[in-house]
Amino acid sequence: MAGTSRIKYPANVVPIRVMCSGRVDPEFVLDAFEKGADGVFIGGCHPGDCHYVSGNYRTRKRVIMMKKLLQEMGINPVRLRLEWVSATEGK
């Protein structure tokens, strides 16, 4: 989002671009926390608006699973956040 609007990311934010939120591998999330990330934000298309049809529904299921896994690992699950966003939303 910030890239299309030419908004600069803070130096401590590392974006990983994927074509669809459904392509966010749980390994990406776990790797980020292993490397010391304070949190992970996943932005996906609004339900029903996914160009790839069901990617955002897959993401929702994965995030629920990942939050349970993080809890079991002793990582506060609120550090993983999923929000539905559109390219037209924002600053």
Foldseek 3Di string as FASTA:
>chain_A
DCVVVVHDDPPLDDDDDDPFLLPDDLVVQVVCVVVPDQAAEGEGADVPPDPVNCSVVNNVVVLVVSLVVCVVVVHHSVRYYYDHDDPPDDD
